[in-house]
PDB file of all heavy atoms in Angstrom:
ATOM      1  N   GLN A   1      -8.166  11.610 107.623  1.00  0.00           N
ATOM      2  CA  GLN A   1      -8.463  11.718 109.045  1.00  0.00           C
ATOM      3  C   GLN A   1      -9.699  12.568 109.317  1.00  0.00           C
ATOM      4  O   GLN A   1     -10.249  12.529 110.392  1.00  0.00           O
ATOM      5  CB  GLN A   1      -7.262  12.320 109.789  1.00  0.00           C
ATOM      6  CG  GLN A   1      -6.057  11.415 109.820  1.00  0.00           C
ATOM      7  CD  GLN A   1      -6.327  10.126 110.564  1.00  0.00           C
ATOM      8  OE1 GLN A   1      -7.038  10.107 111.570  1.00  0.00           O
ATOM      9  NE2 GLN A   1      -5.783   9.030 110.075  1.00  0.00           N
ATOM     10  N   GLU A   2     -10.092  13.341 108.362  1.00  0.00           N
ATOM     11  CA  GLU A   2     -11.178  14.284 108.551  1.00  0.00           C
ATOM     12  C   GLU A   2     -12.450  13.739 107.908  1.00  0.00           C
ATOM     13  O   GLU A   2     -12.442  13.268 106.777  1.00  0.00           O
ATOM     14  CB  GLU A   2     -10.767  15.602 107.882  1.00  0.00           C
ATOM     15  CG  GLU A   2     -11.755  16.697 107.996  1.00  0.00           C
ATOM     16  CD  GLU A   2     -11.249  17.929 107.263  1.00  0.00           C
ATOM     17  OE1 GLU A   2     -10.054  18.233 107.358  1.00  0.00           O
ATOM     18  OE2 GLU A   2     -12.062  18.548 106.585  1.00  0.00           O
ATOM     19  N   ARG A   3     -13.540  13.791 108.636  1.00  0.00           N
ATOM     20  CA  ARG A   3     -14.805  13.303 108.087  1.00  0.00           C
ATOM     21  C   ARG A   3     -15.432  14.392 107.215  1.00  0.00           C
ATOM     22  O   ARG A   3     -15.321  15.562 107.503  1.00  0.00           O
ATOM     23  CB  ARG A   3     -15.770  12.956 109.204  1.00  0.00           C
ATOM     24  CG  ARG A   3     -15.305  11.824 110.075  1.00  0.00           C
ATOM     25  CD  ARG A   3     -16.457  11.363 110.956  1.00  0.00           C
ATOM     26  NE  ARG A   3     -16.014  10.503 112.013  1.00  0.00           N
ATOM     27  CZ  ARG A   3     -15.817   9.199 111.890  1.00  0.00           C
ATOM     28  NH1 ARG A   3     -15.986   8.614 110.743  1.00  0.00           N
ATOM     29  NH2 ARG A   3     -15.440   8.483 112.924  1.00  0.00           N
ATOM     30  N   GLY A   4     -16.123  13.951 106.158  1.00  0.00           N
ATOM     31  CA  GLY A   4     -16.854  14.889 105.330  1.00  0.00           C
ATOM     32  C   GLY A   4     -18.031  15.446 106.116  1.00  0.00           C
ATOM     33  O   GLY A   4     -18.497  14.862 107.091  1.00  0.00           O
ATOM     34  N   GLU A   5     -18.517  16.575 105.684  1.00  0.00           N
ATOM     35  CA  GLU A   5     -19.609  17.247 106.386  1.00  0.00           C
ATOM     36  C   GLU A   5     -20.866  16.371 106.428  1.00  0.00           C
ATOM     37  O   GLU A   5     -21.515  16.249 107.467  1.00  0.00           O
ATOM     38  CB  GLU A   5     -19.892  18.574 105.689  1.00  0.00           C
ATOM     39  CG  GLU A   5     -20.840  19.481 106.417  1.00  0.00           C
ATOM     40  CD  GLU A   5     -21.019  20.799 105.710  1.00  0.00           C
ATOM     41  OE1 GLU A   5     -20.218  21.132 104.810  1.00  0.00           O
ATOM     42  OE2 GLU A   5     -21.979  21.502 106.061  1.00  0.00           O
ATOM     43  N   ALA A   6     -21.213  15.756 105.306  1.00  0.00           N
ATOM     44  CA  ALA A   6     -22.410  14.916 105.259  1.00  0.00           C
ATOM     45  C   ALA A   6     -22.244  13.679 106.137  1.00  0.00           C
ATOM     46  O   ALA A   6     -23.175  13.276 106.835  1.00  0.00           O
ATOM     47  CB  ALA A   6     -22.719  14.510 103.823  1.00  0.00           C
ATOM     48  N   VAL A   7     -21.058  13.074 106.123  1.00  0.00           N
ATOM     49  CA  VAL A   7     -20.808  11.897 106.956  1.00  0.00           C
ATOM     50  C   VAL A   7     -20.911  12.269 108.429  1.00  0.00           C
ATOM     51  O   VAL A   7     -21.523  11.558 109.220  1.00  0.00           O
ATOM     52  CB  VAL A   7     -19.423  11.278 106.640  1.00  0.00           C
ATOM     53  CG1 VAL A   7     -19.079  10.181 107.625  1.00  0.00           C
ATOM     54  CG2 VAL A   7     -19.405  10.745 105.229  1.00  0.00           C
ATOM     55  N   ALA A   8     -20.323  13.404 108.808  1.00  0.00           N
ATOM     56  CA  ALA A   8     -20.388  13.849 110.205  1.00  0.00           C
ATOM     57  C   ALA A   8     -21.836  14.049 110.644  1.00  0.00           C
ATOM     58  O   ALA A   8     -22.205  13.680 111.769  1.00  0.00           O
ATOM     59  CB  ALA A   8     -19.587  15.133 110.384  1.00  0.00           C
ATOM     60  N   MET A   9     -22.668  14.584 109.762  1.00  0.00           N
ATOM     61  CA  MET A   9     -24.074  14.777 110.118  1.00  0.00           C
ATOM     62  C   MET A   9     -24.815  13.447 110.218  1.00  0.00           C
ATOM     63  O   MET A   9     -25.691  13.294 111.072  1.00  0.00           O
ATOM     64  CB  MET A   9     -24.756  15.713 109.139  1.00  0.00           C
ATOM     65  CG  MET A   9     -24.334  17.155 109.339  1.00  0.00           C
ATOM     66  SD  MET A   9     -25.287  18.317 108.377  1.00  0.00           S
ATOM     67  CE  MET A   9     -26.878  18.238 109.188  1.00  0.00           C
ATOM     68  N   LEU A  10     -24.488  12.482 109.368  1.00  0.00           N
ATOM     69  CA  LEU A  10     -25.102  11.153 109.475  1.00  0.00           C
ATOM     70  C   LEU A  10     -24.778  10.530 110.830  1.00  0.00           C
ATOM     71  O   LEU A  10     -25.662   9.984 111.505  1.00  0.00           O
ATOM     72  CB  LEU A  10     -24.595  10.227 108.373  1.00  0.00           C
ATOM     73  CG  LEU A  10     -25.260  10.302 107.021  1.00  0.00           C
ATOM     74  CD1 LEU A  10     -24.507   9.443 106.021  1.00  0.00           C
ATOM     75  CD2 LEU A  10     -26.703   9.895 107.100  1.00  0.00           C
ATOM     76  N   LEU A  11     -23.520  10.607 111.228  1.00  0.00           N
ATOM     77  CA  LEU A  11     -23.106  10.016 112.505  1.00  0.00           C
ATOM     78  C   LEU A  11     -23.740  10.758 113.673  1.00  0.00           C
ATOM     79  O   LEU A  11     -24.119  10.141 114.670  1.00  0.00           O
ATOM     80  CB  LEU A  11     -21.588  10.013 112.614  1.00  0.00           C
ATOM     81  CG  LEU A  11     -20.838   9.320 111.465  1.00  0.00           C
ATOM     82  CD1 LEU A  11     -19.343   9.303 111.734  1.00  0.00           C
ATOM     83  CD2 LEU A  11     -21.370   7.937 111.208  1.00  0.00           C
ATOM     84  N   ARG A  12     -23.887  12.065 113.545  1.00  0.00           N
ATOM     85  CA  ARG A  12     -24.551  12.846 114.589  1.00  0.00           C
ATOM     86  C   ARG A  12     -26.026  12.440 114.704  1.00  0.00           C
ATOM     87  O   ARG A  12     -26.583  12.418 115.803  1.00  0.00           O
ATOM     88  CB  ARG A  12     -24.420  14.339 114.295  1.00  0.00           C
ATOM     89  CG  ARG A  12     -24.753  15.190 115.498  1.00  0.00           C
ATOM     90  CD  ARG A  12     -24.459  16.676 115.309  1.00  0.00           C
ATOM     91  NE  ARG A  12     -23.263  16.929 114.547  1.00  0.00           N
ATOM     92  CZ  ARG A  12     -23.227  17.672 113.422  1.00  0.00           C
ATOM     93  NH1 ARG A  12     -24.332  18.231 112.948  1.00  0.00           N
ATOM     94  NH2 ARG A  12     -22.105  17.869 112.777  1.00  0.00           N
ATOM     95  N   GLN A  13     -26.663  12.107 113.573  1.00  0.00           N
ATOM     96  CA  GLN A  13     -28.049  11.634 113.612  1.00  0.00           C
ATOM     97  C   GLN A  13     -28.143  10.359 114.453  1.00  0.00           C
ATOM     98  O   GLN A  13     -29.084  10.188 115.217  1.00  0.00           O
ATOM     99  CB  GLN A  13     -28.567  11.350 112.199  1.00  0.00           C
ATOM    100  CG  GLN A  13     -28.878  12.571 111.384  1.00  0.00           C
ATOM    101  CD  GLN A  13     -30.187  13.195 111.765  1.00  0.00           C
ATOM    102  OE1 GLN A  13     -31.143  12.512 112.127  1.00  0.00           O
ATOM    103  NE2 GLN A  13     -30.240  14.508 111.708  1.00  0.00           N
ATOM    104  N   CYS A  14     -27.169   9.473 114.300  1.00  0.00           N
ATOM    105  CA  CYS A  14     -27.150   8.247 115.111  1.00  0.00           C
ATOM    106  C   CYS A  14     -27.019   8.592 116.589  1.00  0.00           C
ATOM    107  O   CYS A  14     -27.782   8.095 117.423  1.00  0.00           O
ATOM    108  CB  CYS A  14     -25.988   7.342 114.705  1.00  0.00           C
ATOM    109  SG  CYS A  14     -26.214   6.510 113.148  1.00  0.00           S
ATOM    110  N   ASP A  15     -26.050   9.434 116.920  1.00  0.00           N
ATOM    111  CA  ASP A  15     -25.793   9.773 118.319  1.00  0.00           C
ATOM    112  C   ASP A  15     -26.977  10.509 118.949  1.00  0.00           C
ATOM    113  O   ASP A  15     -27.371  10.219 120.078  1.00  0.00           O
ATOM    114  CB  ASP A  15     -24.532  10.632 118.436  1.00  0.00           C
ATOM    115  CG  ASP A  15     -23.280   9.892 118.006  1.00  0.00           C
ATOM    116  OD1 ASP A  15     -23.276   8.642 118.068  1.00  0.00           O
ATOM    117  OD2 ASP A  15     -22.308  10.561 117.609  1.00  0.00           O
ATOM    118  N   ASP A  16     -27.556  11.461 118.229  1.00  0.00           N
ATOM    119  CA  ASP A  16     -28.631  12.283 118.776  1.00  0.00           C
ATOM    120  C   ASP A  16     -29.956  11.536 118.901  1.00  0.00           C
ATOM    121  O   ASP A  16     -30.804  11.905 119.706  1.00  0.00           O
ATOM    122  CB  ASP A  16     -28.842  13.532 117.923  1.00  0.00           C
ATOM    123  CG  ASP A  16     -27.670  14.497 117.995  1.00  0.00           C
ATOM    124  OD1 ASP A  16     -26.808  14.334 118.883  1.00  0.00           O
ATOM    125  OD2 ASP A  16     -27.620  15.423 117.157  1.00  0.00           O
ATOM    126  N   ASN A  17     -30.167  10.514 118.092  1.00  0.00           N
ATOM    127  CA  ASN A  17     -31.455   9.805 118.081  1.00  0.00           C
ATOM    128  C   ASN A  17     -31.354   8.380 118.612  1.00  0.00           C
ATOM    129  O   ASN A  17     -32.191   7.535 118.295  1.00  0.00           O
ATOM    130  CB  ASN A  17     -32.027   9.795 116.662  1.00  0.00           C
ATOM    131  CG  ASN A  17     -32.327  11.189 116.177  1.00  0.00           C
ATOM    132  OD1 ASN A  17     -33.050  11.929 116.814  1.00  0.00           O
ATOM    133  ND2 ASN A  17     -31.731  11.570 115.060  1.00  0.00           N
ATOM    134  N   ALA A  18     -30.343   8.107 119.414  1.00  0.00           N
ATOM    135  CA  ALA A  18     -30.164   6.767 119.986  1.00  0.00           C
ATOM    136  C   ALA A  18     -31.249   6.489 121.020  1.00  0.00           C
ATOM    137  O   ALA A  18     -31.595   7.360 121.811  1.00  0.00           O
ATOM    138  CB  ALA A  18     -28.782   6.655 120.622  1.00  0.00           C
ATOM    139  N   LEU A  19     -31.785   5.286 120.988  1.00  0.00           N
ATOM    140  CA  LEU A  19     -32.805   4.851 121.953  1.00  0.00           C
ATOM    141  C   LEU A  19     -32.257   3.696 122.782  1.00  0.00           C
ATOM    142  O   LEU A  19     -31.818   2.696 122.229  1.00  0.00           O
ATOM    143  CB  LEU A  19     -34.071   4.378 121.240  1.00  0.00           C
ATOM    144  CG  LEU A  19     -34.886   5.417 120.499  1.00  0.00           C
ATOM    145  CD1 LEU A  19     -36.003   4.741 119.724  1.00  0.00           C
ATOM    146  CD2 LEU A  19     -35.466   6.413 121.479  1.00  0.00           C
ATOM    147  N   ILE A  20     -32.315   3.844 124.088  1.00  0.00           N
ATOM    148  CA  ILE A  20     -31.894   2.757 124.966  1.00  0.00           C
ATOM    149  C   ILE A  20     -33.113   1.863 125.159  1.00  0.00           C
ATOM    150  O   ILE A  20     -34.117   2.271 125.722  1.00  0.00           O
ATOM    151  CB  ILE A  20     -31.396   3.300 126.314  1.00  0.00           C
ATOM    152  CG1 ILE A  20     -30.203   4.218 126.087  1.00  0.00           C
ATOM    153  CG2 ILE A  20     -31.043   2.156 127.250  1.00  0.00           C
ATOM    154  CD1 ILE A  20     -29.759   4.969 127.313  1.00  0.00           C
ATOM    155  N   VAL A  21     -33.010   0.625 124.669  1.00  0.00           N
ATOM    156  CA  VAL A  21     -34.150  -0.286 124.744  1.00  0.00           C
ATOM    157  C   VAL A  21     -33.927  -1.427 125.724  1.00  0.00           C
ATOM    158  O   VAL A  21     -34.821  -2.219 125.949  1.00  0.00           O
ATOM    159  CB  VAL A  21     -34.516  -0.854 123.348  1.00  0.00           C
ATOM    160  CG1 VAL A  21     -35.020   0.234 122.448  1.00  0.00           C
ATOM    161  CG2 VAL A  21     -33.348  -1.583 122.729  1.00  0.00           C
ATOM    162  N   GLY A  22     -32.768  -1.498 126.289  1.00  0.00           N
ATOM    163  CA  GLY A  22     -32.483  -2.549 127.265  1.00  0.00           C
ATOM    164  C   GLY A  22     -31.063  -2.425 127.752  1.00  0.00           C
ATOM    165  O   GLY A  22     -30.296  -1.566 127.311  1.00  0.00           O
ATOM    166  N   ARG A  23     -30.739  -3.281 128.682  1.00  0.00           N
ATOM    167  CA  ARG A  23     -29.386  -3.266 129.220  1.00  0.00           C
ATOM    168  C   ARG A  23     -28.390  -3.546 128.094  1.00  0.00           C
ATOM    169  O   ARG A  23     -28.469  -4.564 127.418  1.00  0.00           O
ATOM    170  CB  ARG A  23     -29.268  -4.322 130.304  1.00  0.00           C
ATOM    171  CG  ARG A  23     -27.883  -4.417 130.879  1.00  0.00           C
ATOM    172  CD  ARG A  23     -27.873  -5.294 132.063  1.00  0.00           C
ATOM    173  NE  ARG A  23     -27.752  -4.376 133.197  1.00  0.00           N
ATOM    174  CZ  ARG A  23     -27.852  -4.723 134.446  1.00  0.00           C
ATOM    175  NH1 ARG A  23     -28.140  -5.959 134.755  1.00  0.00           N
ATOM    176  NH2 ARG A  23     -27.698  -3.854 135.397  1.00  0.00           N
ATOM    177  N   GLN A  24     -27.498  -2.629 127.890  1.00  0.00           N
ATOM    178  CA  GLN A  24     -26.456  -2.711 126.877  1.00  0.00           C
ATOM    179  C   GLN A  24     -27.006  -2.871 125.461  1.00  0.00           C
ATOM    180  O   GLN A  24     -26.375  -3.493 124.608  1.00  0.00           O
ATOM    181  CB  GLN A  24     -25.470  -3.833 127.198  1.00  0.00           C
ATOM    182  CG  GLN A  24     -24.726  -3.615 128.488  1.00  0.00           C
ATOM    183  CD  GLN A  24     -23.704  -4.703 128.736  1.00  0.00           C
ATOM    184  OE1 GLN A  24     -23.644  -5.694 128.030  1.00  0.00           O
ATOM    185  NE2 GLN A  24     -22.896  -4.514 129.760  1.00  0.00           N
ATOM    186  N   ARG A  25     -28.183  -2.326 125.217  1.00  0.00           N
ATOM    187  CA  ARG A  25     -28.732  -2.346 123.855  1.00  0.00           C
ATOM    188  C   ARG A  25     -29.254  -0.954 123.523  1.00  0.00           C
ATOM    189  O   ARG A  25     -30.232  -0.491 124.108  1.00  0.00           O
ATOM    190  CB  ARG A  25     -29.860  -3.363 123.726  1.00  0.00           C
ATOM    191  CG  ARG A  25     -30.373  -3.393 122.288  1.00  0.00           C
ATOM    192  CD  ARG A  25     -30.991  -4.706 121.908  1.00  0.00           C
ATOM    193  NE  ARG A  25     -31.316  -4.687 120.498  1.00  0.00           N
ATOM    194  CZ  ARG A  25     -32.512  -4.955 120.020  1.00  0.00           C
ATOM    195  NH1 ARG A  25     -33.474  -5.303 120.818  1.00  0.00           N
ATOM    196  NH2 ARG A  25     -32.727  -4.902 118.738  1.00  0.00           N
ATOM    197  N   VAL A  26     -28.570  -0.319 122.604  1.00  0.00           N
ATOM    198  CA  VAL A  26     -28.933   1.019 122.146  1.00  0.00           C
ATOM    199  C   VAL A  26     -29.217   0.920 120.648  1.00  0.00           C
ATOM    200  O   VAL A  26     -28.368   0.509 119.869  1.00  0.00           O
ATOM    201  CB  VAL A  26     -27.799   2.030 122.415  1.00  0.00           C
ATOM    202  CG1 VAL A  26     -28.184   3.409 121.907  1.00  0.00           C
ATOM    203  CG2 VAL A  26     -27.457   2.071 123.896  1.00  0.00           C
ATOM    204  N   VAL A  27     -30.441   1.276 120.270  1.00  0.00           N
ATOM    205  CA  VAL A  27     -30.854   1.218 118.870  1.00  0.00           C
ATOM    206  C   VAL A  27     -30.767   2.621 118.278  1.00  0.00           C
ATOM    207  O   VAL A  27     -31.200   3.594 118.896  1.00  0.00           O
ATOM    208  CB  VAL A  27     -32.290   0.668 118.739  1.00  0.00           C
ATOM    209  CG1 VAL A  27     -32.740   0.662 117.285  1.00  0.00           C
ATOM    210  CG2 VAL A  27     -32.374  -0.742 119.316  1.00  0.00           C
ATOM    211  N   VAL A  28     -30.195   2.702 117.088  1.00  0.00           N
ATOM    212  CA  VAL A  28     -30.047   3.981 116.403  1.00  0.00           C
ATOM    213  C   VAL A  28     -30.746   3.925 115.054  1.00  0.00           C
ATOM    214  O   VAL A  28     -31.063   2.840 114.555  1.00  0.00           O
ATOM    215  CB  VAL A  28     -28.554   4.348 116.227  1.00  0.00           C
ATOM    216  CG1 VAL A  28     -27.896   4.596 117.564  1.00  0.00           C
ATOM    217  CG2 VAL A  28     -27.809   3.281 115.465  1.00  0.00           C
ATOM    218  N   PRO A  29     -30.995   5.092 114.456  1.00  0.00           N
ATOM    219  CA  PRO A  29     -31.651   5.098 113.141  1.00  0.00           C
ATOM    220  C   PRO A  29     -30.864   4.284 112.118  1.00  0.00           C
ATOM    221  O   PRO A  29     -29.633   4.234 112.159  1.00  0.00           O
ATOM    222  CB  PRO A  29     -31.651   6.583 112.760  1.00  0.00           C
ATOM    223  CG  PRO A  29     -31.584   7.313 114.049  1.00  0.00           C
ATOM    224  CD  PRO A  29     -30.752   6.455 114.947  1.00  0.00           C
ATOM    225  N   ASN A  30     -31.621   3.656 111.238  1.00  0.00           N
ATOM    226  CA  ASN A  30     -30.991   2.863 110.193  1.00  0.00           C
ATOM    227  C   ASN A  30     -31.452   3.263 108.794  1.00  0.00           C
ATOM    228  O   ASN A  30     -30.938   2.758 107.812  1.00  0.00           O
ATOM    229  CB  ASN A  30     -31.259   1.365 110.415  1.00  0.00           C
ATOM    230  CG  ASN A  30     -32.725   1.036 110.375  1.00  0.00           C
ATOM    231  OD1 ASN A  30     -33.544   1.784 110.898  1.00  0.00           O
ATOM    232  ND2 ASN A  30     -33.068  -0.093 109.780  1.00  0.00           N
ATOM    233  N   ALA A  31     -32.407   4.169 108.701  1.00  0.00           N
ATOM    234  CA  ALA A  31     -32.889   4.636 107.400  1.00  0.00           C
ATOM    235  C   ALA A  31     -32.646   6.140 107.316  1.00  0.00           C
ATOM    236  O   ALA A  31     -33.164   6.903 108.133  1.00  0.00           O
ATOM    237  CB  ALA A  31     -34.372   4.324 107.230  1.00  0.00           C
ATOM    238  N   PHE A  32     -31.843   6.539 106.358  1.00  0.00           N
ATOM    239  CA  PHE A  32     -31.470   7.940 106.208  1.00  0.00           C
ATOM    240  C   PHE A  32     -31.853   8.430 104.825  1.00  0.00           C
ATOM    241  O   PHE A  32     -31.677   7.718 103.839  1.00  0.00           O
ATOM    242  CB  PHE A  32     -29.953   8.119 106.385  1.00  0.00           C
ATOM    243  CG  PHE A  32     -29.446   7.648 107.717  1.00  0.00           C
ATOM    244  CD1 PHE A  32     -29.023   6.338 107.889  1.00  0.00           C
ATOM    245  CD2 PHE A  32     -29.393   8.502 108.791  1.00  0.00           C
ATOM    246  CE1 PHE A  32     -28.550   5.892 109.103  1.00  0.00           C
ATOM    247  CE2 PHE A  32     -28.923   8.067 110.024  1.00  0.00           C
ATOM    248  CZ  PHE A  32     -28.500   6.760 110.174  1.00  0.00           C
ATOM    249  N   VAL A  33     -32.367   9.653 104.767  1.00  0.00           N
ATOM    250  CA  VAL A  33     -32.643  10.317 103.499  1.00  0.00           C
ATOM    251  C   VAL A  33     -31.831  11.609 103.505  1.00  0.00           C
ATOM    252  O   VAL A  33     -31.953  12.418 104.424  1.00  0.00           O
ATOM    253  CB  VAL A  33     -34.143  10.633 103.335  1.00  0.00           C
ATOM    254  CG1 VAL A  33     -34.379  11.447 102.067  1.00  0.00           C
ATOM    255  CG2 VAL A  33     -34.966   9.361 103.316  1.00  0.00           C
ATOM    256  N   ILE A  34     -30.993  11.768 102.494  1.00  0.00           N
ATOM    257  CA  ILE A  34     -30.216  12.993 102.349  1.00  0.00           C
ATOM    258  C   ILE A  34     -30.804  13.753 101.173  1.00  0.00           C
ATOM    259  O   ILE A  34     -30.766  13.284 100.033  1.00  0.00           O
ATOM    260  CB  ILE A  34     -28.725  12.695 102.104  1.00  0.00           C
ATOM    261  CG1 ILE A  34     -28.161  11.858 103.241  1.00  0.00           C
ATOM    262  CG2 ILE A  34     -27.950  14.006 101.942  1.00  0.00           C
ATOM    263  CD1 ILE A  34     -26.720  11.446 103.048  1.00  0.00           C
ATOM    264  N   GLU A  35     -31.394  14.914 101.486  1.00  0.00           N
ATOM    265  CA  GLU A  35     -31.942  15.772 100.440  1.00  0.00           C
ATOM    266  C   GLU A  35     -30.849  16.729  99.993  1.00  0.00           C
ATOM    267  O   GLU A  35     -30.313  17.496 100.789  1.00  0.00           O
ATOM    268  CB  GLU A  35     -33.145  16.557 100.961  1.00  0.00           C
ATOM    269  CG  GLU A  35     -34.335  15.701 101.270  1.00  0.00           C
ATOM    270  CD  GLU A  35     -35.522  16.509 101.764  1.00  0.00           C
ATOM    271  OE1 GLU A  35     -35.354  17.701 102.100  1.00  0.00           O
ATOM    272  OE2 GLU A  35     -36.617  15.944 101.820  1.00  0.00           O
ATOM    273  N   LEU A  36     -30.504  16.655  98.722  1.00  0.00           N
ATOM    274  CA  LEU A  36     -29.453  17.487  98.136  1.00  0.00           C
ATOM    275  C   LEU A  36     -30.066  18.522  97.213  1.00  0.00           C
ATOM    276  O   LEU A  36     -31.159  18.311  96.668  1.00  0.00           O
ATOM    277  CB  LEU A  36     -28.484  16.624  97.335  1.00  0.00           C
ATOM    278  CG  LEU A  36     -27.756  15.523  98.086  1.00  0.00           C
ATOM    279  CD1 LEU A  36     -27.157  14.530  97.109  1.00  0.00           C
ATOM    280  CD2 LEU A  36     -26.681  16.119  98.957  1.00  0.00           C
ATOM    281  N   LEU A  37     -29.357  19.627  97.023  1.00  0.00           N
ATOM    282  CA  LEU A  37     -29.792  20.568  96.002  1.00  0.00           C
ATOM    283  C   LEU A  37     -29.896  19.814  94.682  1.00  0.00           C
ATOM    284  O   LEU A  37     -29.091  18.916  94.408  1.00  0.00           O
ATOM    285  CB  LEU A  37     -28.797  21.718  95.874  1.00  0.00           C
ATOM    286  CG  LEU A  37     -28.779  22.713  97.027  1.00  0.00           C
ATOM    287  CD1 LEU A  37     -27.667  23.730  96.831  1.00  0.00           C
ATOM    288  CD2 LEU A  37     -30.114  23.420  97.161  1.00  0.00           C
ATOM    289  N   PRO A  38     -30.883  20.135  93.860  1.00  0.00           N
ATOM    290  CA  PRO A  38     -31.082  19.372  92.622  1.00  0.00           C
ATOM    291  C   PRO A  38     -29.838  19.284  91.742  1.00  0.00           C
ATOM    292  O   PRO A  38     -29.574  18.240  91.144  1.00  0.00           O
ATOM    293  CB  PRO A  38     -32.208  20.133  91.913  1.00  0.00           C
ATOM    294  CG  PRO A  38     -32.972  20.774  93.031  1.00  0.00           C
ATOM    295  CD  PRO A  38     -31.946  21.126  94.067  1.00  0.00           C
ATOM    296  N   GLU A  39     -29.030  20.356  91.690  1.00  0.00           N
ATOM    297  CA  GLU A  39     -27.830  20.322  90.857  1.00  0.00           C
ATOM    298  C   GLU A  39     -26.838  19.289  91.395  1.00  0.00           C
ATOM    299  O   GLU A  39     -26.238  18.528  90.629  1.00  0.00           O
ATOM    300  CB  GLU A  39     -27.131  21.686  90.827  1.00  0.00           C
ATOM    301  CG  GLU A  39     -28.018  22.851  90.440  1.00  0.00           C
ATOM    302  CD  GLU A  39     -28.774  23.439  91.632  1.00  0.00           C
ATOM    303  OE1 GLU A  39     -28.177  23.713  92.683  1.00  0.00           O
ATOM    304  OE2 GLU A  39     -29.991  23.625  91.487  1.00  0.00           O
ATOM    305  N   ILE A  40     -26.648  19.273  92.712  1.00  0.00           N
ATOM    306  CA  ILE A  40     -25.706  18.333  93.318  1.00  0.00           C
ATOM    307  C   ILE A  40     -26.215  16.903  93.153  1.00  0.00           C
ATOM    308  O   ILE A  40     -25.451  15.990  92.837  1.00  0.00           O
ATOM    309  CB  ILE A  40     -25.470  18.673  94.802  1.00  0.00           C
ATOM    310  CG1 ILE A  40     -24.778  20.028  94.923  1.00  0.00           C
ATOM    311  CG2 ILE A  40     -24.649  17.590  95.489  1.00  0.00           C
ATOM    312  CD1 ILE A  40     -24.637  20.529  96.343  1.00  0.00           C
ATOM    313  N   HIS A  41     -27.513  16.698  93.349  1.00  0.00           N
ATOM    314  CA  HIS A  41     -28.093  15.365  93.178  1.00  0.00           C
ATOM    315  C   HIS A  41     -27.884  14.877  91.746  1.00  0.00           C
ATOM    316  O   HIS A  41     -27.516  13.716  91.523  1.00  0.00           O
ATOM    317  CB  HIS A  41     -29.579  15.377  93.530  1.00  0.00           C
ATOM    318  CG  HIS A  41     -30.209  14.035  93.404  1.00  0.00           C
ATOM    319  ND1 HIS A  41     -30.858  13.634  92.254  1.00  0.00           N
ATOM    320  CD2 HIS A  41     -30.268  12.987  94.265  1.00  0.00           C
ATOM    321  CE1 HIS A  41     -31.293  12.397  92.413  1.00  0.00           C
ATOM    322  NE2 HIS A  41     -30.951  11.983  93.612  1.00  0.00           N
TER     323      HIS A  41
END
C-alpha cells in the first residue's frame, strides 16, 4: 500500500510539471533520469 520514495518522487514530477495544452488534455513528463549514488547504481 505504501509507495517507495523514488516512485513517489517520480509521480510528484508528473503532477508538478503537468502542462494543460487543451480542453481535457494535460501533458506530463515522459522522460525521467534518476541519478543514484554510484554504489547504489
